[in-house]
């Protein structure tokens, strides 16, 4: 949560966003009582736009409706922590069940009172390579497509635990994360050079494998 490897990237990213003028609200799924979606789809039927489950998502929905950007921050599990999966499933009431067909896929969109226009992913992993983020990245992109909003980029930090050791490379990574937040708010996009800088190796793959043994 607020002291983990994902937070090491998320914190400077959000600080950069605030420096560019954004107002930021942070919700930690692990601290909230978010029950699993029951799949009844009442929010797409007789309770259109409203979830009948009474839990902490009731306090999150208003924030999501007024947000311009939704940032999903998560470590890589197999593939996601259960709390994050519950959160994603419970986005359903925000989605208008008026379906369209795009590039061979069925898609929907957010309700008109949901202001989200962009989705960003911030993710940390313990393995050396960026390929470890493949499934989490695909999920975040699919959420954006299913809601008909822009996927504005992914800050991916492999072998994130090594950031705690500090050093010049770690400093550059954290600076790139801050600049990414600033650029997203100021210009509406995150330059690829900054995303590449966030993901740059801190050690060689050979040296990383030595730590596994």
C-alpha atoms as a PDB file:
ATOM      1  CA  UNK A   1       0.000   0.000   0.000  1.00  0.00           C
ATOM      2  CA  UNK A   2       1.491   3.314   1.113  1.00  0.00           C
ATOM      3  CA  UNK A   3       4.958   1.822   1.738  1.00  0.00           C
ATOM      4  CA  UNK A   4       5.294  -0.780  -1.024  1.00  0.00           C
ATOM      5  CA  UNK A   5       7.191  -0.925  -4.287  1.00  0.00           C
ATOM      6  CA  UNK A   6       4.238   0.323  -6.344  1.00  0.00           C
ATOM      7  CA  UNK A   7       3.986   3.348  -4.059  1.00  0.00           C
ATOM      8  CA  UNK A   8       7.625   4.215  -4.809  1.00  0.00           C
ATOM      9  CA  UNK A   9       6.581   4.957  -8.393  1.00  0.00           C
ATOM     10  CA  UNK A  10       3.052   6.174  -7.715  1.00  0.00           C
ATOM     11  CA  UNK A  11       4.050   8.834  -5.161  1.00  0.00           C
ATOM     12  CA  UNK A  12       6.368  10.902  -7.423  1.00  0.00           C
ATOM     13  CA  UNK A  13       3.966  10.425 -10.342  1.00  0.00           C
ATOM     14  CA  UNK A  14       1.110  11.948  -8.326  1.00  0.00           C
ATOM     15  CA  UNK A  15       3.379  14.670  -6.949  1.00  0.00           C
ATOM     16  CA  UNK A  16       4.230  15.661 -10.512  1.00  0.00           C
ATOM     17  CA  UNK A  17       0.537  15.720 -11.398  1.00  0.00           C
ATOM     18  CA  UNK A  18      -0.194  18.014  -8.449  1.00  0.00           C
ATOM     19  CA  UNK A  19       2.679  20.302  -9.432  1.00  0.00           C
ATOM     20  CA  UNK A  20       0.967  20.708 -12.818  1.00  0.00           C
ATOM     21  CA  UNK A  21      -2.273  21.721 -11.104  1.00  0.00           C
ATOM     22  CA  UNK A  22      -4.169  18.460 -10.630  1.00  0.00           C
ATOM     23  CA  UNK A  23      -6.254  17.627  -7.597  1.00  0.00           C
ATOM     24  CA  UNK A  24      -5.557  14.060  -6.495  1.00  0.00           C
ATOM     25  CA  UNK A  25      -7.586  11.568  -4.477  1.00  0.00           C
ATOM     26  CA  UNK A  26      -6.031   8.238  -3.505  1.00  0.00           C
ATOM     27  CA  UNK A  27      -7.947   5.113  -2.493  1.00  0.00           C
ATOM     28  CA  UNK A  28      -6.176   1.970  -1.274  1.00  0.00           C
ATOM     29  CA  UNK A  29      -8.306  -1.030  -2.218  1.00  0.00           C
ATOM     30  CA  UNK A  30      -6.754  -3.096   0.568  1.00  0.00           C
ATOM     31  CA  UNK A  31      -7.983  -0.609   3.173  1.00  0.00           C
ATOM     32  CA  UNK A  32     -11.528  -0.666   1.809  1.00  0.00           C
ATOM     33  CA  UNK A  33     -14.300  -3.197   2.163  1.00  0.00           C
ATOM     34  CA  UNK A  34     -14.922  -3.956  -1.515  1.00  0.00           C
ATOM     35  CA  UNK A  35     -16.956  -7.102  -1.935  1.00  0.00           C
ATOM     36  CA  UNK A  36     -16.783  -9.166  -5.129  1.00  0.00           C
ATOM     37  CA  UNK A  37     -19.239  -8.366  -7.901  1.00  0.00           C
ATOM     38  CA  UNK A  38     -22.078 -10.921  -7.785  1.00  0.00           C
ATOM     39  CA  UNK A  39     -22.640 -10.858 -11.515  1.00  0.00           C
ATOM     40  CA  UNK A  40     -26.364 -10.134 -11.270  1.00  0.00           C
ATOM     41  CA  UNK A  41     -26.016  -7.059 -13.521  1.00  0.00           C
ATOM     42  CA  UNK A  42     -28.821  -5.217 -11.754  1.00  0.00           C
ATOM     43  CA  UNK A  43     -26.745  -2.079 -12.399  1.00  0.00           C
ATOM     44  CA  UNK A  44     -27.351  -2.708 -16.105  1.00  0.00           C
ATOM     45  CA  UNK A  45     -31.049  -3.382 -15.601  1.00  0.00           C
ATOM     46  CA  UNK A  46     -33.618  -2.231 -13.093  1.00  0.00           C
ATOM     47  CA  UNK A  47     -31.014  -0.379 -10.971  1.00  0.00           C
ATOM     48  CA  UNK A  48     -29.306   1.252 -13.955  1.00  0.00           C
ATOM     49  CA  UNK A  49     -26.033   2.870 -12.904  1.00  0.00           C
ATOM     50  CA  UNK A  50     -26.347   1.852  -9.250  1.00  0.00           C
ATOM     51  CA  UNK A  51     -24.768  -1.064  -7.411  1.00  0.00           C
ATOM     52  CA  UNK A  52     -27.004  -2.686  -4.812  1.00  0.00           C
ATOM     53  CA  UNK A  53     -24.017  -3.928  -2.774  1.00  0.00           C
ATOM     54  CA  UNK A  54     -23.573  -1.697   0.257  1.00  0.00           C
ATOM     55  CA  UNK A  55     -19.867  -1.403   1.030  1.00  0.00           C
ATOM     56  CA  UNK A  56     -16.993   1.074   0.678  1.00  0.00           C
ATOM     57  CA  UNK A  57     -17.396   1.383  -3.095  1.00  0.00           C
ATOM     58  CA  UNK A  58     -20.240   3.760  -2.261  1.00  0.00           C
ATOM     59  CA  UNK A  59     -17.602   6.303  -1.220  1.00  0.00           C
ATOM     60  CA  UNK A  60     -15.445   5.640  -4.291  1.00  0.00           C
ATOM     61  CA  UNK A  61     -18.091   5.952  -7.011  1.00  0.00           C
ATOM     62  CA  UNK A  62     -18.612   9.739  -6.563  1.00  0.00           C
ATOM     63  CA  UNK A  63     -14.856  10.347  -6.830  1.00  0.00           C
ATOM     64  CA  UNK A  64     -14.659   8.268  -9.994  1.00  0.00           C
ATOM     65  CA  UNK A  65     -17.603  10.083 -11.547  1.00  0.00           C
ATOM     66  CA  UNK A  66     -15.948  13.491 -11.121  1.00  0.00           C
ATOM     67  CA  UNK A  67     -12.402  12.426 -12.056  1.00  0.00           C
ATOM     68  CA  UNK A  68     -10.803  13.333 -15.388  1.00  0.00           C
ATOM     69  CA  UNK A  69      -8.152  10.607 -15.128  1.00  0.00           C
ATOM     70  CA  UNK A  70      -8.271   7.236 -13.396  1.00  0.00           C
ATOM     71  CA  UNK A  71      -4.885   5.880 -12.349  1.00  0.00           C
ATOM     72  CA  UNK A  72      -4.760   2.155 -11.620  1.00  0.00           C
ATOM     73  CA  UNK A  73      -1.772   1.326  -9.422  1.00  0.00           C
ATOM     74  CA  UNK A  74      -0.994  -2.306  -8.704  1.00  0.00           C
ATOM     75  CA  UNK A  75       1.833  -4.789  -8.265  1.00  0.00           C
ATOM     76  CA  UNK A  76       1.969  -7.801 -10.549  1.00  0.00           C
ATOM     77  CA  UNK A  77       0.498 -10.881  -8.909  1.00  0.00           C
ATOM     78  CA  UNK A  78      -1.053 -13.736 -10.930  1.00  0.00           C
ATOM     79  CA  UNK A  79      -2.146 -11.484 -12.477  1.00  0.00           C
ATOM     80  CA  UNK A  80      -3.665  -8.985  -9.991  1.00  0.00           C
ATOM     81  CA  UNK A  81      -4.165  -8.725  -6.229  1.00  0.00           C
ATOM     82  CA  UNK A  82      -7.681  -9.858  -5.327  1.00  0.00           C
ATOM     83  CA  UNK A  83      -8.649  -6.416  -4.005  1.00  0.00           C
ATOM     84  CA  UNK A  84      -7.755  -4.778  -7.322  1.00  0.00           C
ATOM     85  CA  UNK A  85      -9.698  -7.390  -9.273  1.00  0.00           C
ATOM     86  CA  UNK A  86     -12.741  -6.757  -7.078  1.00  0.00           C
ATOM     87  CA  UNK A  87     -12.381  -3.014  -7.703  1.00  0.00           C
ATOM     88  CA  UNK A  88     -12.217  -3.451 -11.473  1.00  0.00           C
ATOM     89  CA  UNK A  89     -15.249  -5.724 -11.516  1.00  0.00           C
ATOM     90  CA  UNK A  90     -17.206  -3.228  -9.436  1.00  0.00           C
ATOM     91  CA  UNK A  91     -16.716  -0.511 -12.085  1.00  0.00           C
ATOM     92  CA  UNK A  92     -19.678  -2.039 -13.883  1.00  0.00           C
ATOM     93  CA  UNK A  93     -22.288   0.471 -12.564  1.00  0.00           C
ATOM     94  CA  UNK A  94     -20.306   3.302 -14.179  1.00  0.00           C
ATOM     95  CA  UNK A  95     -20.624   1.682 -17.603  1.00  0.00           C
ATOM     96  CA  UNK A  96     -23.613   2.333 -19.845  1.00  0.00           C
ATOM     97  CA  UNK A  97     -24.905  -0.962 -21.325  1.00  0.00           C
ATOM     98  CA  UNK A  98     -25.411   0.561 -24.775  1.00  0.00           C
ATOM     99  CA  UNK A  99     -23.115  -1.679 -26.764  1.00  0.00           C
ATOM    100  CA  UNK A 100     -21.306  -1.040 -30.029  1.00  0.00           C
ATOM    101  CA  UNK A 101     -19.026  -3.066 -32.295  1.00  0.00           C
ATOM    102  CA  UNK A 102     -15.455  -1.863 -32.881  1.00  0.00           C
ATOM    103  CA  UNK A 103     -12.782  -3.796 -34.752  1.00  0.00           C
ATOM    104  CA  UNK A 104     -14.580  -7.066 -34.187  1.00  0.00           C
ATOM    105  CA  UNK A 105     -15.102  -6.500 -30.447  1.00  0.00           C
ATOM    106  CA  UNK A 106     -18.177  -5.598 -28.410  1.00  0.00           C
ATOM    107  CA  UNK A 107     -17.601  -2.371 -26.471  1.00  0.00           C
ATOM    108  CA  UNK A 108     -19.534  -0.092 -24.143  1.00  0.00           C
ATOM    109  CA  UNK A 109     -18.833   3.348 -22.652  1.00  0.00           C
ATOM    110  CA  UNK A 110     -19.076   5.182 -19.357  1.00  0.00           C
ATOM    111  CA  UNK A 111     -22.361   6.812 -18.392  1.00  0.00           C
ATOM    112  CA  UNK A 112     -22.586  10.498 -19.320  1.00  0.00           C
ATOM    113  CA  UNK A 113     -22.115  11.581 -15.690  1.00  0.00           C
ATOM    114  CA  UNK A 114     -18.709   9.841 -15.519  1.00  0.00           C
ATOM    115  CA  UNK A 115     -16.034  12.383 -16.493  1.00  0.00           C
ATOM    116  CA  UNK A 116     -13.100   9.969 -16.888  1.00  0.00           C
ATOM    117  CA  UNK A 117     -11.366  10.563 -20.218  1.00  0.00           C
ATOM    118  CA  UNK A 118      -8.054   8.783 -19.633  1.00  0.00           C
ATOM    119  CA  UNK A 119      -6.800   5.709 -17.797  1.00  0.00           C
ATOM    120  CA  UNK A 120      -3.184   5.285 -16.691  1.00  0.00           C
ATOM    121  CA  UNK A 121      -1.477   2.213 -15.255  1.00  0.00           C
ATOM    122  CA  UNK A 122       1.255   2.330 -12.625  1.00  0.00           C
ATOM    123  CA  UNK A 123       2.655  -1.113 -11.876  1.00  0.00           C
ATOM    124  CA  UNK A 124       5.616  -2.727 -10.135  1.00  0.00           C
ATOM    125  CA  UNK A 125       7.035  -6.206 -10.481  1.00  0.00           C
ATOM    126  CA  UNK A 126       9.831  -8.224  -8.951  1.00  0.00           C
ATOM    127  CA  UNK A 127      11.178  -9.859 -12.097  1.00  0.00           C
ATOM    128  CA  UNK A 128      13.862  -8.299 -14.278  1.00  0.00           C
ATOM    129  CA  UNK A 129      11.998  -8.033 -17.570  1.00  0.00           C
ATOM    130  CA  UNK A 130       9.113  -5.798 -18.698  1.00  0.00           C
ATOM    131  CA  UNK A 131       7.428  -8.830 -20.265  1.00  0.00           C
ATOM    132  CA  UNK A 132       6.228  -9.761 -16.776  1.00  0.00           C
ATOM    133  CA  UNK A 133       3.684  -6.931 -17.059  1.00  0.00           C
ATOM    134  CA  UNK A 134       2.010  -8.333 -20.171  1.00  0.00           C
ATOM    135  CA  UNK A 135      -1.225  -9.548 -18.585  1.00  0.00           C
ATOM    136  CA  UNK A 136      -1.686  -6.577 -16.237  1.00  0.00           C
ATOM    137  CA  UNK A 137      -1.043  -4.170 -19.102  1.00  0.00           C
ATOM    138  CA  UNK A 138      -3.548  -5.963 -21.316  1.00  0.00           C
ATOM    139  CA  UNK A 139      -6.200  -5.799 -18.581  1.00  0.00           C
ATOM    140  CA  UNK A 140      -5.727  -2.033 -18.113  1.00  0.00           C
ATOM    141  CA  UNK A 141      -5.899  -1.419 -21.858  1.00  0.00           C
ATOM    142  CA  UNK A 142      -9.033  -3.549 -22.143  1.00  0.00           C
ATOM    143  CA  UNK A 143     -10.737  -1.570 -19.371  1.00  0.00           C
ATOM    144  CA  UNK A 144     -10.018   1.644 -21.297  1.00  0.00           C
ATOM    145  CA  UNK A 145     -11.333   0.207 -24.557  1.00  0.00           C
ATOM    146  CA  UNK A 146     -14.417  -1.265 -22.911  1.00  0.00           C
ATOM    147  CA  UNK A 147     -15.239   2.162 -21.456  1.00  0.00           C
ATOM    148  CA  UNK A 148     -14.385   4.036 -24.681  1.00  0.00           C
ATOM    149  CA  UNK A 149     -11.680   6.214 -23.131  1.00  0.00           C
ATOM    150  CA  UNK A 150      -8.006   6.763 -23.912  1.00  0.00           C
ATOM    151  CA  UNK A 151      -5.339   4.546 -22.414  1.00  0.00           C
ATOM    152  CA  UNK A 152      -2.798   7.280 -21.684  1.00  0.00           C
ATOM    153  CA  UNK A 153       0.224   5.150 -20.816  1.00  0.00           C
ATOM    154  CA  UNK A 154       1.788   2.730 -18.360  1.00  0.00           C
ATOM    155  CA  UNK A 155       4.547   3.383 -15.844  1.00  0.00           C
ATOM    156  CA  UNK A 156       6.038  -0.101 -15.510  1.00  0.00           C
ATOM    157  CA  UNK A 157       8.803  -0.693 -12.964  1.00  0.00           C
ATOM    158  CA  UNK A 158      10.483  -4.112 -13.159  1.00  0.00           C
ATOM    159  CA  UNK A 159      12.675  -5.321 -10.263  1.00  0.00           C
ATOM    160  CA  UNK A 160      11.092  -2.493  -8.319  1.00  0.00           C
ATOM    161  CA  UNK A 161      12.439  -3.682  -4.973  1.00  0.00           C
ATOM    162  CA  UNK A 162      15.897  -2.484  -6.013  1.00  0.00           C
ATOM    163  CA  UNK A 163      14.705   1.134  -5.952  1.00  0.00           C
ATOM    164  CA  UNK A 164      14.967   0.992  -2.173  1.00  0.00           C
ATOM    165  CA  UNK A 165      18.747   0.681  -2.505  1.00  0.00           C
ATOM    166  CA  UNK A 166      18.913   4.142  -4.040  1.00  0.00           C
ATOM    167  CA  UNK A 167      21.747   5.322  -6.261  1.00  0.00           C
ATOM    168  CA  UNK A 168      21.866   7.529  -9.378  1.00  0.00           C
ATOM    169  CA  UNK A 169      19.810   5.165 -11.548  1.00  0.00           C
ATOM    170  CA  UNK A 170      17.031   4.965  -8.975  1.00  0.00           C
ATOM    171  CA  UNK A 171      17.028   8.763  -8.666  1.00  0.00           C
ATOM    172  CA  UNK A 172      16.582   9.084 -12.443  1.00  0.00           C
ATOM    173  CA  UNK A 173      13.709   6.585 -12.412  1.00  0.00           C
ATOM    174  CA  UNK A 174      11.852   8.502  -9.710  1.00  0.00           C
ATOM    175  CA  UNK A 175      12.478  11.800 -11.496  1.00  0.00           C
ATOM    176  CA  UNK A 176      11.018  10.329 -14.683  1.00  0.00           C
ATOM    177  CA  UNK A 177       7.941   9.205 -12.734  1.00  0.00           C
ATOM    178  CA  UNK A 178       7.456  12.753 -11.415  1.00  0.00           C
ATOM    179  CA  UNK A 179       7.929  14.239 -14.875  1.00  0.00           C
ATOM    180  CA  UNK A 180       5.398  11.724 -16.253  1.00  0.00           C
ATOM    181  CA  UNK A 181       2.714  12.971 -13.881  1.00  0.00           C
ATOM    182  CA  UNK A 182       3.521  16.573 -14.690  1.00  0.00           C
ATOM    183  CA  UNK A 183       3.425  15.975 -18.457  1.00  0.00           C
ATOM    184  CA  UNK A 184       0.166  14.019 -18.301  1.00  0.00           C
ATOM    185  CA  UNK A 185      -1.642  16.920 -16.651  1.00  0.00           C
ATOM    186  CA  UNK A 186       0.117  19.701 -18.554  1.00  0.00           C
ATOM    187  CA  UNK A 187      -0.067  18.252 -22.064  1.00  0.00           C
ATOM    188  CA  UNK A 188      -2.497  15.333 -21.823  1.00  0.00           C
ATOM    189  CA  UNK A 189       0.130  12.750 -22.715  1.00  0.00           C
ATOM    190  CA  UNK A 190       3.168  10.992 -21.286  1.00  0.00           C
ATOM    191  CA  UNK A 191       6.169  10.999 -23.653  1.00  0.00           C
ATOM    192  CA  UNK A 192       7.560   7.573 -24.476  1.00  0.00           C
ATOM    193  CA  UNK A 193      11.027   8.674 -23.375  1.00  0.00           C
ATOM    194  CA  UNK A 194       9.722   9.159 -19.824  1.00  0.00           C
ATOM    195  CA  UNK A 195       7.951   5.800 -19.764  1.00  0.00           C
ATOM    196  CA  UNK A 196      11.153   4.176 -21.022  1.00  0.00           C
ATOM    197  CA  UNK A 197      13.116   5.955 -18.284  1.00  0.00           C
ATOM    198  CA  UNK A 198      10.763   4.666 -15.577  1.00  0.00           C
ATOM    199  CA  UNK A 199      11.329   1.112 -16.824  1.00  0.00           C
ATOM    200  CA  UNK A 200      15.090   1.327 -17.391  1.00  0.00           C
ATOM    201  CA  UNK A 201      17.145  -1.514 -15.866  1.00  0.00           C
ATOM    202  CA  UNK A 202      18.777  -0.837 -12.529  1.00  0.00           C
ATOM    203  CA  UNK A 203      21.145  -3.791 -12.899  1.00  0.00           C
ATOM    204  CA  UNK A 204      21.964  -6.223 -15.704  1.00  0.00           C
ATOM    205  CA  UNK A 205      19.831  -9.301 -16.206  1.00  0.00           C
ATOM    206  CA  UNK A 206      22.857 -11.456 -15.429  1.00  0.00           C
ATOM    207  CA  UNK A 207      23.369  -9.743 -12.067  1.00  0.00           C
ATOM    208  CA  UNK A 208      19.659  -9.998 -11.336  1.00  0.00           C
ATOM    209  CA  UNK A 209      19.738 -13.755 -11.839  1.00  0.00           C
ATOM    210  CA  UNK A 210      22.555 -13.995  -9.342  1.00  0.00           C
ATOM    211  CA  UNK A 211      20.184 -12.658  -6.675  1.00  0.00           C
ATOM    212  CA  UNK A 212      17.688 -15.453  -7.463  1.00  0.00           C
ATOM    213  CA  UNK A 213      20.177 -18.190  -6.632  1.00  0.00           C
END
